[in-house]
């Protein structure tokens, strides 16, 4: 893999934006909070060629019940994002309820019509650095409830259309959602200190040009 020399300058410039003022990784230490305009957030991501070698979806353990309350990550997201709360039975079995699928600007009744999408897909995370993570780090990524941008309930149709594609290959069919989607993509990559490739950077640079360049706040997860 080849890291562009421009990243060194970007990382140095970013150091002043990290709270507290110390860094163990390229962008900071777990728990540090970064706040910067969207364009600067994109500039802070290192550009590295992707590495799919050895990828298996099973390398990311999900869905888990991290807090042992009987509801796994999928159901926790469904409960959190419901427009109308579902009924919850024994074993956290959910029924009824209503959800808004932002990718397609549609409403869905009942959990069976929904997938929980990793906004940055597991395979894309692997390509972008997760291949070098520990199994626990990959599990934490796959079940990230610490930032509501990481996981999103969407229609099964749009989730399967997206698959493991990045924004250079796929954007939500509902165009007014594009700026939010791209912002959340960049935020998730920052949160997990993932990389982007040249094509992805070029696409993101052009795609966010019409988006509001408002401050993006991210807490590092690793």
Foldseek 3Di string as FASTA:
>chain_A
DDWDPLLVVLLVVQQVQWPPNDADDSNHDFQIKGKFWLVSLLSNFIADFFDLPPDDPVLADDQADVVPPLDTLFLVQCQVAFPFGFDADPSRDTAWTKGAAVLARDMDTTPVQKDKAQLQHLSNQCRFPCVPPDSVLSNCLVRPPPDSLGIHIHGPVQRVVCPNPALLVDGRPPVVCRLVSLSSVSQSCVQASTHHHPSNSVSSVVSCVPPDRHMDMHRHRD
